[in-house]
PDB file of N, CA and C in Angstrom:
ATOM      1  N   MET A   1     -46.991  53.429  -3.866  1.00  0.00           N
ATOM      2  CA  MET A   1     -48.212  53.514  -4.621  1.00  0.00           C
ATOM      3  C   MET A   1     -49.388  53.182  -3.700  1.00  0.00           C
ATOM      4  N   ASN A   2     -50.435  53.948  -3.795  1.00  0.00           N
ATOM      5  CA  ASN A   2     -51.548  53.645  -2.902  1.00  0.00           C
ATOM      6  C   ASN A   2     -52.545  52.687  -3.562  1.00  0.00           C
ATOM      7  N   THR A   3     -53.485  52.236  -2.804  1.00  0.00           N
ATOM      8  CA  THR A   3     -54.423  51.200  -3.238  1.00  0.00           C
ATOM      9  C   THR A   3     -55.295  51.663  -4.396  1.00  0.00           C
ATOM     10  N   VAL A   4     -55.747  52.896  -4.358  1.00  0.00           N
ATOM     11  CA  VAL A   4     -56.619  53.411  -5.416  1.00  0.00           C
ATOM     12  C   VAL A   4     -55.883  53.418  -6.752  1.00  0.00           C
ATOM     13  N   THR A   5     -54.643  53.843  -6.757  1.00  0.00           N
ATOM     14  CA  THR A   5     -53.852  53.864  -7.982  1.00  0.00           C
ATOM     15  C   THR A   5     -53.670  52.457  -8.538  1.00  0.00           C
ATOM     16  N   THR A   6     -53.442  51.490  -7.680  1.00  0.00           N
ATOM     17  CA  THR A   6     -53.279  50.101  -8.114  1.00  0.00           C
ATOM     18  C   THR A   6     -54.565  49.564  -8.730  1.00  0.00           C
ATOM     19  N   ILE A   7     -55.690  49.813  -8.088  1.00  0.00           N
ATOM     20  CA  ILE A   7     -56.970  49.330  -8.598  1.00  0.00           C
ATOM     21  C   ILE A   7     -57.312  49.988  -9.933  1.00  0.00           C
ATOM     22  N   VAL A   8     -57.094  51.286 -10.044  1.00  0.00           N
ATOM     23  CA  VAL A   8     -57.363  51.988 -11.296  1.00  0.00           C
ATOM     24  C   VAL A   8     -56.434  51.479 -12.402  1.00  0.00           C
ATOM     25  N   GLY A   9     -55.190  51.240 -12.071  1.00  0.00           N
ATOM     26  CA  GLY A   9     -54.239  50.719 -13.054  1.00  0.00           C
ATOM     27  C   GLY A   9     -54.626  49.336 -13.557  1.00  0.00           C
ATOM     28  N   ILE A  10     -55.033  48.460 -12.666  1.00  0.00           N
ATOM     29  CA  ILE A  10     -55.465  47.116 -13.062  1.00  0.00           C
ATOM     30  C   ILE A  10     -56.743  47.206 -13.900  1.00  0.00           C
ATOM     31  N   GLY A  11     -57.664  48.067 -13.506  1.00  0.00           N
ATOM     32  CA  GLY A  11     -58.889  48.251 -14.287  1.00  0.00           C
ATOM     33  C   GLY A  11     -58.607  48.778 -15.679  1.00  0.00           C
ATOM     34  N   LEU A  12     -57.682  49.710 -15.788  1.00  0.00           N
ATOM     35  CA  LEU A  12     -57.300  50.255 -17.089  1.00  0.00           C
ATOM     36  C   LEU A  12     -56.640  49.192 -17.962  1.00  0.00           C
ATOM     37  N   LEU A  13     -55.806  48.364 -17.361  1.00  0.00           N
ATOM     38  CA  LEU A  13     -55.169  47.269 -18.095  1.00  0.00           C
ATOM     39  C   LEU A  13     -56.215  46.309 -18.660  1.00  0.00           C
ATOM     40  N   PHE A  14     -57.178  45.910 -17.844  1.00  0.00           N
ATOM     41  CA  PHE A  14     -58.227  45.013 -18.322  1.00  0.00           C
ATOM     42  C   PHE A  14     -59.108  45.678 -19.372  1.00  0.00           C
ATOM     43  N   TYR A  15     -59.349  46.971 -19.237  1.00  0.00           N
ATOM     44  CA  TYR A  15     -60.125  47.702 -20.240  1.00  0.00           C
ATOM     45  C   TYR A  15     -59.405  47.697 -21.587  1.00  0.00           C
ATOM     46  N   ILE A  16     -58.115  47.962 -21.576  1.00  0.00           N
ATOM     47  CA  ILE A  16     -57.331  47.970 -22.816  1.00  0.00           C
ATOM     48  C   ILE A  16     -57.289  46.577 -23.434  1.00  0.00           C
ATOM     49  N   LEU A  17     -57.082  45.553 -22.620  1.00  0.00           N
ATOM     50  CA  LEU A  17     -57.076  44.183 -23.134  1.00  0.00           C
ATOM     51  C   LEU A  17     -58.427  43.792 -23.726  1.00  0.00           C
ATOM     52  N   THR A  18     -59.512  44.201 -23.088  1.00  0.00           N
ATOM     53  CA  THR A  18     -60.845  43.899 -23.599  1.00  0.00           C
ATOM     54  C   THR A  18     -61.091  44.605 -24.929  1.00  0.00           C
ATOM     55  N   CYS A  19     -60.706  45.868 -25.021  1.00  0.00           N
ATOM     56  CA  CYS A  19     -60.851  46.599 -26.289  1.00  0.00           C
ATOM     57  C   CYS A  19     -60.049  45.926 -27.388  1.00  0.00           C
ATOM     58  N   TRP A  20     -58.825  45.527 -27.091  1.00  0.00           N
ATOM     59  CA  TRP A  20     -57.992  44.846 -28.079  1.00  0.00           C
ATOM     60  C   TRP A  20     -58.634  43.538 -28.535  1.00  0.00           C
ATOM     61  N   ALA A  21     -59.169  42.766 -27.598  1.00  0.00           N
ATOM     62  CA  ALA A  21     -59.787  41.481 -27.947  1.00  0.00           C
ATOM     63  C   ALA A  21     -61.018  41.689 -28.821  1.00  0.00           C
ATOM     64  N   VAL A  22     -61.847  42.663 -28.495  1.00  0.00           N
ATOM     65  CA  VAL A  22     -63.047  42.921 -29.285  1.00  0.00           C
ATOM     66  C   VAL A  22     -62.668  43.384 -30.695  1.00  0.00           C
ATOM     67  N   ILE A  23     -61.680  44.240 -30.813  1.00  0.00           N
ATOM     68  CA  ILE A  23     -61.221  44.688 -32.139  1.00  0.00           C
ATOM     69  C   ILE A  23     -60.630  43.521 -32.909  1.00  0.00           C
ATOM     70  N   ASP A  24     -59.860  42.669 -32.247  1.00  0.00           N
ATOM     71  CA  ASP A  24     -59.282  41.497 -32.900  1.00  0.00           C
ATOM     72  C   ASP A  24     -60.383  40.564 -33.405  1.00  0.00           C
ATOM     73  N   ILE A  25     -61.413  40.355 -32.618  1.00  0.00           N
ATOM     74  CA  ILE A  25     -62.541  39.512 -33.028  1.00  0.00           C
ATOM     75  C   ILE A  25     -63.262  40.138 -34.219  1.00  0.00           C
ATOM     76  N   ALA A  26     -63.406  41.451 -34.210  1.00  0.00           N
ATOM     77  CA  ALA A  26     -64.088  42.130 -35.314  1.00  0.00           C
ATOM     78  C   ALA A  26     -63.333  41.973 -36.632  1.00  0.00           C
ATOM     79  N   TYR A  27     -62.009  41.953 -36.583  1.00  0.00           N
ATOM     80  CA  TYR A  27     -61.209  41.843 -37.797  1.00  0.00           C
ATOM     81  C   TYR A  27     -61.048  40.406 -38.285  1.00  0.00           C
ATOM     82  N   LYS A  28     -61.354  39.432 -37.452  1.00  0.00           N
ATOM     83  CA  LYS A  28     -61.167  38.038 -37.843  1.00  0.00           C
ATOM     84  C   LYS A  28     -62.433  37.452 -38.443  1.00  0.00           C
ATOM     85  N   ASP A  29     -62.229  36.473 -39.320  1.00  0.00           N
ATOM     86  CA  ASP A  29     -63.329  35.762 -39.934  1.00  0.00           C
ATOM     87  C   ASP A  29     -63.396  34.377 -39.301  1.00  0.00           C
ATOM     88  N   PHE A  30     -64.427  34.132 -38.519  1.00  0.00           N
ATOM     89  CA  PHE A  30     -64.630  32.835 -37.886  1.00  0.00           C
ATOM     90  C   PHE A  30     -65.511  31.997 -38.799  1.00  0.00           C
ATOM     91  N   SER A  31     -65.775  30.764 -38.429  1.00  0.00           N
ATOM     92  CA  SER A  31     -66.529  29.864 -39.295  1.00  0.00           C
ATOM     93  C   SER A  31     -67.948  30.353 -39.572  1.00  0.00           C
ATOM     94  N   SER A  32     -68.558  31.038 -38.620  1.00  0.00           N
ATOM     95  CA  SER A  32     -69.909  31.566 -38.823  1.00  0.00           C
ATOM     96  C   SER A  32     -70.123  32.775 -37.912  1.00  0.00           C
ATOM     97  N   LEU A  33     -71.201  33.481 -38.167  1.00  0.00           N
ATOM     98  CA  LEU A  33     -71.511  34.667 -37.366  1.00  0.00           C
ATOM     99  C   LEU A  33     -71.833  34.333 -35.909  1.00  0.00           C
ATOM    100  N   PRO A  34     -72.576  33.251 -35.629  1.00  0.00           N
ATOM    101  CA  PRO A  34     -72.822  32.917 -34.210  1.00  0.00           C
ATOM    102  C   PRO A  34     -71.531  32.595 -33.443  1.00  0.00           C
ATOM    103  N   VAL A  35     -70.557  31.984 -34.110  1.00  0.00           N
ATOM    104  CA  VAL A  35     -69.279  31.699 -33.448  1.00  0.00           C
ATOM    105  C   VAL A  35     -68.556  33.005 -33.129  1.00  0.00           C
ATOM    106  N   LYS A  36     -68.576  33.920 -34.083  1.00  0.00           N
ATOM    107  CA  LYS A  36     -67.943  35.227 -33.872  1.00  0.00           C
ATOM    108  C   LYS A  36     -68.623  35.971 -32.722  1.00  0.00           C
ATOM    109  N   ALA A  37     -69.949  35.926 -32.679  1.00  0.00           N
ATOM    110  CA  ALA A  37     -70.697  36.590 -31.605  1.00  0.00           C
ATOM    111  C   ALA A  37     -70.384  35.952 -30.251  1.00  0.00           C
ATOM    112  N   ALA A  38     -70.259  34.632 -30.236  1.00  0.00           N
ATOM    113  CA  ALA A  38     -69.943  33.943 -28.974  1.00  0.00           C
ATOM    114  C   ALA A  38     -68.577  34.371 -28.453  1.00  0.00           C
ATOM    115  N   TRP A  39     -67.588  34.474 -29.340  1.00  0.00           N
ATOM    116  CA  TRP A  39     -66.274  34.934 -28.892  1.00  0.00           C
ATOM    117  C   TRP A  39     -66.324  36.391 -28.450  1.00  0.00           C
ATOM    118  N   GLY A  40     -67.146  37.201 -29.117  1.00  0.00           N
ATOM    119  CA  GLY A  40     -67.294  38.591 -28.708  1.00  0.00           C
ATOM    120  C   GLY A  40     -67.893  38.719 -27.318  1.00  0.00           C
ATOM    121  N   PHE A  41     -68.940  37.941 -27.042  1.00  0.00           N
ATOM    122  CA  PHE A  41     -69.542  37.968 -25.707  1.00  0.00           C
ATOM    123  C   PHE A  41     -68.585  37.407 -24.661  1.00  0.00           C
ATOM    124  N   THR A  42     -67.812  36.392 -25.038  1.00  0.00           N
ATOM    125  CA  THR A  42     -66.837  35.821 -24.106  1.00  0.00           C
ATOM    126  C   THR A  42     -65.786  36.864 -23.725  1.00  0.00           C
ATOM    127  N   ALA A  43     -65.313  37.618 -24.702  1.00  0.00           N
ATOM    128  CA  ALA A  43     -64.293  38.627 -24.432  1.00  0.00           C
ATOM    129  C   ALA A  43     -64.825  39.742 -23.536  1.00  0.00           C
ATOM    130  N   LEU A  44     -66.127  39.955 -23.540  1.00  0.00           N
ATOM    131  CA  LEU A  44     -66.708  41.027 -22.732  1.00  0.00           C
ATOM    132  C   LEU A  44     -66.988  40.626 -21.285  1.00  0.00           C
ATOM    133  N   VAL A  45     -66.805  39.359 -20.943  1.00  0.00           N
ATOM    134  CA  VAL A  45     -66.985  38.934 -19.554  1.00  0.00           C
ATOM    135  C   VAL A  45     -65.876  39.590 -18.723  1.00  0.00           C
ATOM    136  N   PRO A  46     -66.226  40.287 -17.673  1.00  0.00           N
ATOM    137  CA  PRO A  46     -65.220  41.036 -16.923  1.00  0.00           C
ATOM    138  C   PRO A  46     -64.076  40.159 -16.390  1.00  0.00           C
ATOM    139  N   PHE A  47     -62.894  40.634 -16.598  1.00  0.00           N
ATOM    140  CA  PHE A  47     -61.633  40.100 -16.074  1.00  0.00           C
ATOM    141  C   PHE A  47     -61.227  38.745 -16.665  1.00  0.00           C
ATOM    142  N   ILE A  48     -62.081  37.772 -16.704  1.00  0.00           N
ATOM    143  CA  ILE A  48     -61.678  36.433 -17.131  1.00  0.00           C
ATOM    144  C   ILE A  48     -61.923  36.198 -18.624  1.00  0.00           C
ATOM    145  N   GLY A  49     -62.860  36.926 -19.217  1.00  0.00           N
ATOM    146  CA  GLY A  49     -63.219  36.703 -20.615  1.00  0.00           C
ATOM    147  C   GLY A  49     -62.066  36.923 -21.580  1.00  0.00           C
ATOM    148  N   VAL A  50     -61.267  37.932 -21.334  1.00  0.00           N
ATOM    149  CA  VAL A  50     -60.119  38.211 -22.206  1.00  0.00           C
ATOM    150  C   VAL A  50     -59.138  37.045 -22.172  1.00  0.00           C
ATOM    151  N   PHE A  51     -58.895  36.502 -21.003  1.00  0.00           N
ATOM    152  CA  PHE A  51     -57.957  35.384 -20.904  1.00  0.00           C
ATOM    153  C   PHE A  51     -58.514  34.122 -21.562  1.00  0.00           C
ATOM    154  N   ILE A  52     -59.814  33.899 -21.451  1.00  0.00           N
ATOM    155  CA  ILE A  52     -60.430  32.755 -22.132  1.00  0.00           C
ATOM    156  C   ILE A  52     -60.258  32.909 -23.636  1.00  0.00           C
ATOM    157  N   TYR A  53     -60.482  34.126 -24.155  1.00  0.00           N
ATOM    158  CA  TYR A  53     -60.305  34.361 -25.583  1.00  0.00           C
ATOM    159  C   TYR A  53     -58.850  34.170 -26.001  1.00  0.00           C
ATOM    160  N   LEU A  54     -57.922  34.699 -25.223  1.00  0.00           N
ATOM    161  CA  LEU A  54     -56.511  34.562 -25.583  1.00  0.00           C
ATOM    162  C   LEU A  54     -56.042  33.113 -25.576  1.00  0.00           C
ATOM    163  N   ILE A  55     -56.528  32.327 -24.629  1.00  0.00           N
ATOM    164  CA  ILE A  55     -56.087  30.935 -24.516  1.00  0.00           C
ATOM    165  C   ILE A  55     -56.755  30.047 -25.560  1.00  0.00           C
ATOM    166  N   PHE A  56     -58.075  30.204 -25.759  1.00  0.00           N
ATOM    167  CA  PHE A  56     -58.810  29.259 -26.589  1.00  0.00           C
ATOM    168  C   PHE A  56     -59.222  29.796 -27.959  1.00  0.00           C
ATOM    169  N   GLY A  57     -59.440  31.096 -28.098  1.00  0.00           N
ATOM    170  CA  GLY A  57     -60.024  31.605 -29.331  1.00  0.00           C
ATOM    171  C   GLY A  57     -59.121  32.407 -30.223  1.00  0.00           C
ATOM    172  N   TYR A  58     -57.974  32.843 -29.724  1.00  0.00           N
ATOM    173  CA  TYR A  58     -57.123  33.757 -30.489  1.00  0.00           C
ATOM    174  C   TYR A  58     -56.666  33.157 -31.812  1.00  0.00           C
ATOM    175  N   ARG A  59     -56.360  31.881 -31.848  1.00  0.00           N
ATOM    176  CA  ARG A  59     -55.863  31.244 -33.066  1.00  0.00           C
ATOM    177  C   ARG A  59     -56.964  30.609 -33.909  1.00  0.00           C
ATOM    178  N   LYS A  60     -58.217  30.727 -33.490  1.00  0.00           N
ATOM    179  CA  LYS A  60     -59.326  30.089 -34.218  1.00  0.00           C
ATOM    180  C   LYS A  60     -59.638  30.793 -35.532  1.00  0.00           C
ATOM    181  N   GLY A  61     -59.781  32.074 -35.519  1.00  0.00           N
ATOM    182  CA  GLY A  61     -60.170  32.812 -36.716  1.00  0.00           C
ATOM    183  C   GLY A  61     -58.980  33.174 -37.580  1.00  0.00           C
ATOM    184  N   THR A  62     -59.272  33.599 -38.799  1.00  0.00           N
ATOM    185  CA  THR A  62     -58.219  34.077 -39.689  1.00  0.00           C
ATOM    186  C   THR A  62     -58.494  35.537 -40.017  1.00  0.00           C
ATOM    187  N   ARG A  63     -57.428  36.286 -40.155  1.00  0.00           N
ATOM    188  CA  ARG A  63     -57.570  37.706 -40.461  1.00  0.00           C
ATOM    189  C   ARG A  63     -58.137  37.887 -41.854  1.00  0.00           C
ATOM    190  N   ARG A  64     -58.983  38.886 -42.030  1.00  0.00           N
ATOM    191  CA  ARG A  64     -59.608  39.143 -43.324  1.00  0.00           C
ATOM    192  C   ARG A  64     -58.584  39.438 -44.401  1.00  0.00           C
ATOM    193  N   GLY A  65     -57.529  40.154 -44.082  1.00  0.00           N
ATOM    194  CA  GLY A  65     -56.484  40.476 -45.066  1.00  0.00           C
ATOM    195  C   GLY A  65     -55.825  39.238 -45.621  1.00  0.00           C
ATOM    196  N   LYS A  66     -55.618  38.237 -44.778  1.00  0.00           N
ATOM    197  CA  LYS A  66     -54.995  36.985 -45.212  1.00  0.00           C
ATOM    198  C   LYS A  66     -55.924  36.216 -46.125  1.00  0.00           C
ATOM    199  N   ILE A  67     -57.221  36.270 -45.884  1.00  0.00           N
ATOM    200  CA  ILE A  67     -58.186  35.589 -46.738  1.00  0.00           C
ATOM    201  C   ILE A  67     -58.196  36.244 -48.112  1.00  0.00           C
ATOM    202  N   GLU A  68     -58.236  37.560 -48.144  1.00  0.00           N
ATOM    203  CA  GLU A  68     -58.266  38.284 -49.416  1.00  0.00           C
ATOM    204  C   GLU A  68     -56.987  38.038 -50.202  1.00  0.00           C
ATOM    205  N   GLU A  69     -55.837  37.999 -49.544  1.00  0.00           N
ATOM    206  CA  GLU A  69     -54.575  37.732 -50.234  1.00  0.00           C
ATOM    207  C   GLU A  69     -54.560  36.337 -50.849  1.00  0.00           C
ATOM    208  N   SER A  70     -55.060  35.338 -50.122  1.00  0.00           N
ATOM    209  CA  SER A  70     -55.065  33.969 -50.639  1.00  0.00           C
ATOM    210  C   SER A  70     -56.046  33.829 -51.802  1.00  0.00           C
ATOM    211  N   GLU A  71     -57.159  34.590 -51.791  1.00  0.00           N
ATOM    212  CA  GLU A  71     -58.100  34.536 -52.896  1.00  0.00           C
ATOM    213  C   GLU A  71     -57.515  35.198 -54.138  1.00  0.00           C
ATOM    214  N   ASN A  72     -56.712  36.248 -53.976  1.00  0.00           N
ATOM    215  CA  ASN A  72     -56.104  36.930 -55.102  1.00  0.00           C
ATOM    216  C   ASN A  72     -55.007  36.109 -55.758  1.00  0.00           C
ATOM    217  N   LYS A  73     -54.381  35.221 -55.008  1.00  0.00           N
ATOM    218  CA  LYS A  73     -53.313  34.388 -55.561  1.00  0.00           C
ATOM    219  C   LYS A  73     -53.840  33.287 -56.468  1.00  0.00           C
ATOM    220  N   VAL A  74     -55.082  32.885 -56.252  1.00  0.00           N
ATOM    221  CA  VAL A  74     -55.653  31.772 -57.028  1.00  0.00           C
ATOM    222  C   VAL A  74     -56.021  32.193 -58.401  1.00  0.00           C
TER     223      VAL A  74
END
């Protein structure tokens, strides 16, 4: 494998991870809108932002579907 292919592959991997993180943040309900925006901006930081979100922010929010299900049970 040559160097260009490796660099493009790593860039594509980070692009996919960033897209996944942004979509995950969009679907989650955080405590407030500024917190959600902060995690969104963090995920957009090149290369390291996705890992910061995965380590510290992934378990912070709750999925909207889970909130709606718990409200319907009450």
